[in-house]
Amino acid sequence: MDRTVLTTISIEEFRRIIEDVVGKVLSEKMPKKDDFRETFLTREETAKILNVTLMTLHNWNNKGILIANKIGNKVLYRESDVKRALTNIDEIKYKQL
């Protein structure tokens, strides 16, 4: 059986205890600031990393191999999408053998 112990504490001390507990729980549940950071690459950077031409990159966009993000008149690629595409291309390459 659980026991309940009653003590007298000030409202300020009670508020501090609650803030500490809530702050700890929220900090564990909330994503870190670095989780929101995404690196974007230009068309030229992406083509260089993948060692393809800009035309090949354009064709891959049309085929859905890579997903382009258009911001204004700029086309950018998420670095994580480029890495994922590299993995997918390797898998496709070896399945055809």
N, C-alpha and C. Protein backbone atom coordinates (compact mmCIF):
# COMPACT_ATOMS: atom_id res chain seq x y z
N MET A 1 0.85 -1.17 0.00
CA MET A 1 0.00 0.00 0.00
C MET A 1 0.90 1.24 0.00
N ASP A 2 0.54 2.22 -0.84
CA ASP A 2 1.30 3.46 -0.91
C ASP A 2 0.95 4.33 0.28
N ARG A 3 1.95 5.08 0.72
CA ARG A 3 1.72 6.00 1.83
C ARG A 3 1.75 7.42 1.29
N THR A 4 0.93 8.24 1.82
CA THR A 4 0.91 9.65 1.47
C THR A 4 1.43 10.43 2.66
N VAL A 5 2.43 11.27 2.38
CA VAL A 5 3.01 12.09 3.43
C VAL A 5 2.70 13.53 3.09
N LEU A 6 2.08 14.21 4.02
CA LEU A 6 1.74 15.61 3.81
C LEU A 6 2.73 16.48 4.56
N THR A 7 3.28 17.46 3.83
CA THR A 7 4.17 18.42 4.47
C THR A 7 3.74 19.81 4.03
N THR A 8 4.24 20.76 4.72
CA THR A 8 3.92 22.14 4.38
C THR A 8 5.07 22.71 3.56
N ILE A 9 4.74 23.17 2.35
CA ILE A 9 5.74 23.84 1.53
C ILE A 9 5.12 25.14 1.01
N SER A 10 5.98 26.05 0.67
CA SER A 10 5.47 27.32 0.16
C SER A 10 5.01 27.15 -1.28
N ILE A 11 4.20 28.09 -1.72
CA ILE A 11 3.70 28.06 -3.09
C ILE A 11 4.86 28.20 -4.07
N GLU A 12 5.84 29.01 -3.75
CA GLU A 12 7.00 29.19 -4.63
C GLU A 12 7.79 27.88 -4.77
N GLU A 13 7.97 27.18 -3.66
CA GLU A 13 8.68 25.91 -3.72
C GLU A 13 7.88 24.89 -4.53
N PHE A 14 6.57 24.86 -4.34
CA PHE A 14 5.69 23.96 -5.10
C PHE A 14 5.77 24.29 -6.59
N ARG A 15 5.74 25.57 -6.94
CA ARG A 15 5.83 26.00 -8.33
C ARG A 15 7.17 25.56 -8.93
N ARG A 16 8.26 25.71 -8.18
CA ARG A 16 9.58 25.31 -8.66
C ARG A 16 9.65 23.81 -8.91
N ILE A 17 9.08 23.03 -8.03
CA ILE A 17 9.06 21.56 -8.19
C ILE A 17 8.30 21.18 -9.45
N ILE A 18 7.14 21.79 -9.63
CA ILE A 18 6.31 21.50 -10.82
C ILE A 18 7.06 21.91 -12.09
N GLU A 19 7.67 23.10 -12.09
CA GLU A 19 8.42 23.57 -13.26
C GLU A 19 9.58 22.63 -13.59
N ASP A 20 10.28 22.15 -12.58
CA ASP A 20 11.39 21.22 -12.79
C ASP A 20 10.91 19.92 -13.43
N VAL A 21 9.83 19.37 -12.89
CA VAL A 21 9.32 18.10 -13.41
C VAL A 21 8.79 18.27 -14.83
N VAL A 22 8.01 19.29 -15.08
CA VAL A 22 7.46 19.53 -16.42
C VAL A 22 8.58 19.84 -17.40
N GLY A 23 9.54 20.64 -16.99
CA GLY A 23 10.68 20.96 -17.86
C GLY A 23 11.47 19.73 -18.24
N LYS A 24 11.69 18.83 -17.29
CA LYS A 24 12.43 17.60 -17.57
C LYS A 24 11.67 16.72 -18.55
N VAL A 25 10.38 16.56 -18.35
CA VAL A 25 9.57 15.72 -19.24
C VAL A 25 9.54 16.32 -20.65
N LEU A 26 9.35 17.63 -20.75
CA LEU A 26 9.31 18.26 -22.07
C LEU A 26 10.64 18.18 -22.79
N SER A 27 11.73 18.36 -22.07
CA SER A 27 13.04 18.30 -22.72
C SER A 27 13.34 16.90 -23.25
N GLU A 28 12.81 15.88 -22.61
CA GLU A 28 13.00 14.51 -23.08
C GLU A 28 12.14 14.23 -24.31
N LYS A 29 10.96 14.82 -24.37
CA LYS A 29 10.01 14.54 -25.46
C LYS A 29 10.22 15.41 -26.69
N MET A 30 10.70 16.63 -26.51
CA MET A 30 10.85 17.56 -27.63
C MET A 30 12.06 17.21 -28.47
N PRO A 31 11.93 17.33 -29.80
CA PRO A 31 13.10 17.08 -30.65
C PRO A 31 14.16 18.16 -30.43
N LYS A 32 15.39 17.78 -30.63
CA LYS A 32 16.49 18.73 -30.48
C LYS A 32 16.50 19.70 -31.66
N LYS A 33 17.12 20.87 -31.47
CA LYS A 33 17.17 21.88 -32.55
C LYS A 33 17.86 21.33 -33.78
N ASP A 34 18.87 20.50 -33.60
CA ASP A 34 19.60 19.95 -34.74
C ASP A 34 18.74 19.01 -35.57
N ASP A 35 17.67 18.44 -34.98
CA ASP A 35 16.79 17.56 -35.72
C ASP A 35 16.05 18.30 -36.84
N PHE A 36 15.89 19.61 -36.69
CA PHE A 36 15.16 20.39 -37.68
C PHE A 36 16.05 20.88 -38.81
N ARG A 37 17.35 20.79 -38.64
CA ARG A 37 18.27 21.30 -39.65
C ARG A 37 18.37 20.32 -40.80
N GLU A 38 18.18 20.84 -41.97
CA GLU A 38 18.32 20.04 -43.18
C GLU A 38 19.23 20.80 -44.13
N THR A 39 20.19 20.11 -44.69
CA THR A 39 21.10 20.74 -45.63
C THR A 39 20.54 20.60 -47.03
N PHE A 40 20.51 21.71 -47.75
CA PHE A 40 20.04 21.70 -49.13
C PHE A 40 21.21 21.90 -50.06
N LEU A 41 21.15 21.24 -51.20
CA LEU A 41 22.19 21.33 -52.21
C LEU A 41 21.62 21.93 -53.49
N THR A 42 22.44 22.70 -54.19
CA THR A 42 22.02 23.24 -55.49
C THR A 42 22.08 22.13 -56.54
N ARG A 43 21.57 22.43 -57.73
CA ARG A 43 21.63 21.47 -58.82
C ARG A 43 23.07 21.10 -59.14
N GLU A 44 23.93 22.11 -59.18
CA GLU A 44 25.33 21.87 -59.52
C GLU A 44 26.02 21.00 -58.48
N GLU A 45 25.78 21.29 -57.20
CA GLU A 45 26.39 20.50 -56.13
C GLU A 45 25.90 19.05 -56.18
N THR A 46 24.60 18.89 -56.41
CA THR A 46 24.01 17.56 -56.47
C THR A 46 24.58 16.77 -57.64
N ALA A 47 24.66 17.41 -58.80
CA ALA A 47 25.20 16.74 -59.98
C ALA A 47 26.65 16.32 -59.74
N LYS A 48 27.41 17.17 -59.09
CA LYS A 48 28.82 16.86 -58.81
C LYS A 48 28.94 15.68 -57.86
N ILE A 49 28.11 15.66 -56.80
CA ILE A 49 28.14 14.56 -55.84
C ILE A 49 27.79 13.24 -56.51
N LEU A 50 26.76 13.28 -57.37
CA LEU A 50 26.29 12.07 -58.04
C LEU A 50 27.10 11.74 -59.29
N ASN A 51 27.98 12.67 -59.69
CA ASN A 51 28.81 12.50 -60.87
C ASN A 51 27.96 12.28 -62.13
N VAL A 52 26.95 13.14 -62.28
CA VAL A 52 26.08 13.11 -63.46
C VAL A 52 25.96 14.52 -64.02
N THR A 53 25.39 14.63 -65.21
CA THR A 53 25.18 15.94 -65.82
C THR A 53 23.89 16.55 -65.28
N LEU A 54 23.73 17.84 -65.53
CA LEU A 54 22.50 18.52 -65.11
C LEU A 54 21.29 17.95 -65.86
N MET A 55 21.49 17.52 -67.09
CA MET A 55 20.39 16.93 -67.86
C MET A 55 19.94 15.59 -67.25
N THR A 56 20.91 14.79 -66.81
CA THR A 56 20.57 13.53 -66.14
C THR A 56 19.81 13.81 -64.85
N LEU A 57 20.24 14.81 -64.13
CA LEU A 57 19.57 15.20 -62.90
C LEU A 57 18.12 15.60 -63.20
N HIS A 58 17.94 16.36 -64.26
CA HIS A 58 16.59 16.78 -64.68
C HIS A 58 15.73 15.56 -65.04
N ASN A 59 16.32 14.62 -65.75
CA ASN A 59 15.58 13.41 -66.13
C ASN A 59 15.20 12.59 -64.89
N TRP A 60 16.11 12.52 -63.92
CA TRP A 60 15.81 11.80 -62.69
C TRP A 60 14.68 12.47 -61.92
N ASN A 61 14.60 13.79 -61.99
CA ASN A 61 13.48 14.49 -61.36
C ASN A 61 12.16 14.06 -62.00
N ASN A 62 12.16 14.04 -63.33
CA ASN A 62 10.95 13.67 -64.05
C ASN A 62 10.53 12.23 -63.78
N LYS A 63 11.50 11.35 -63.57
CA LYS A 63 11.21 9.94 -63.30
C LYS A 63 10.90 9.68 -61.83
N GLY A 64 11.14 10.67 -60.97
CA GLY A 64 10.88 10.50 -59.54
C GLY A 64 12.00 9.84 -58.78
N ILE A 65 13.17 9.72 -59.40
CA ILE A 65 14.31 9.12 -58.71
C ILE A 65 14.81 10.08 -57.63
N LEU A 66 14.83 11.36 -57.94
CA LEU A 66 15.18 12.41 -56.99
C LEU A 66 14.03 13.39 -56.89
N ILE A 67 13.84 13.96 -55.72
CA ILE A 67 12.77 14.94 -55.53
C ILE A 67 13.41 16.31 -55.40
N ALA A 68 13.02 17.20 -56.28
CA ALA A 68 13.54 18.57 -56.26
C ALA A 68 12.60 19.45 -55.45
N ASN A 69 13.17 20.42 -54.75
CA ASN A 69 12.40 21.40 -54.00
C ASN A 69 12.63 22.75 -54.66
N LYS A 70 11.58 23.36 -55.13
CA LYS A 70 11.72 24.64 -55.80
C LYS A 70 11.38 25.75 -54.83
N ILE A 71 12.31 26.66 -54.66
CA ILE A 71 12.12 27.83 -53.80
C ILE A 71 12.37 29.05 -54.66
N GLY A 72 11.31 29.75 -54.99
CA GLY A 72 11.43 30.86 -55.94
C GLY A 72 11.82 30.30 -57.29
N ASN A 73 12.91 30.77 -57.85
CA ASN A 73 13.37 30.23 -59.12
C ASN A 73 14.57 29.30 -58.93
N LYS A 74 14.85 28.90 -57.69
CA LYS A 74 15.96 27.99 -57.40
C LYS A 74 15.44 26.58 -57.21
N VAL A 75 16.21 25.64 -57.69
CA VAL A 75 15.92 24.22 -57.48
C VAL A 75 16.96 23.69 -56.50
N LEU A 76 16.48 23.14 -55.40
CA LEU A 76 17.37 22.61 -54.37
C LEU A 76 16.99 21.17 -54.05
N TYR A 77 17.98 20.43 -53.58
CA TYR A 77 17.77 19.04 -53.20
C TYR A 77 18.18 18.85 -51.75
N ARG A 78 17.39 18.09 -51.02
CA ARG A 78 17.76 17.75 -49.65
C ARG A 78 18.93 16.77 -49.69
N GLU A 79 19.92 17.01 -48.85
CA GLU A 79 21.08 16.11 -48.81
C GLU A 79 20.65 14.70 -48.43
N SER A 80 19.69 14.57 -47.53
CA SER A 80 19.22 13.24 -47.13
C SER A 80 18.56 12.52 -48.29
N ASP A 81 17.84 13.24 -49.18
CA ASP A 81 17.23 12.62 -50.35
C ASP A 81 18.29 12.14 -51.33
N VAL A 82 19.37 12.92 -51.47
CA VAL A 82 20.46 12.54 -52.38
C VAL A 82 21.12 11.27 -51.87
N LYS A 83 21.39 11.20 -50.57
CA LYS A 83 22.00 9.99 -49.99
C LYS A 83 21.08 8.79 -50.15
N ARG A 84 19.78 9.01 -49.94
CA ARG A 84 18.81 7.93 -50.09
C ARG A 84 18.76 7.45 -51.55
N ALA A 85 18.83 8.38 -52.49
CA ALA A 85 18.82 8.02 -53.90
C ALA A 85 20.05 7.19 -54.25
N LEU A 86 21.19 7.53 -53.68
CA LEU A 86 22.41 6.75 -53.93
C LEU A 86 22.22 5.31 -53.47
N THR A 87 21.62 5.12 -52.32
CA THR A 87 21.36 3.79 -51.81
C THR A 87 20.41 3.04 -52.71
N ASN A 88 19.34 3.72 -53.15
CA ASN A 88 18.35 3.09 -54.03
C ASN A 88 18.96 2.72 -55.37
N ILE A 89 19.82 3.56 -55.89
CA ILE A 89 20.47 3.27 -57.17
C ILE A 89 21.36 2.04 -57.04
N ASP A 90 22.11 1.93 -55.95
CA ASP A 90 22.94 0.76 -55.72
C ASP A 90 22.10 -0.51 -55.65
N GLU A 91 20.97 -0.44 -54.97
CA GLU A 91 20.10 -1.61 -54.85
C GLU A 91 19.56 -2.02 -56.20
N ILE A 92 19.14 -1.07 -57.01
CA ILE A 92 18.61 -1.37 -58.34
C ILE A 92 19.70 -1.98 -59.21
N LYS A 93 20.90 -1.43 -59.13
CA LYS A 93 22.02 -1.90 -59.93
C LYS A 93 22.30 -3.37 -59.65
N TYR A 94 22.31 -3.76 -58.39
CA TYR A 94 22.64 -5.14 -58.04
C TYR A 94 21.47 -6.09 -58.29
N LYS A 95 20.25 -5.63 -58.29
CA LYS A 95 19.12 -6.49 -58.58
C LYS A 95 19.09 -6.91 -60.04
N GLN A 96 19.64 -6.07 -60.92
CA GLN A 96 19.62 -6.37 -62.35
C GLN A 96 20.65 -7.42 -62.73
N LEU A 97 21.64 -7.65 -61.88
CA LEU A 97 22.68 -8.63 -62.22
C LEU A 97 22.21 -10.04 -62.17
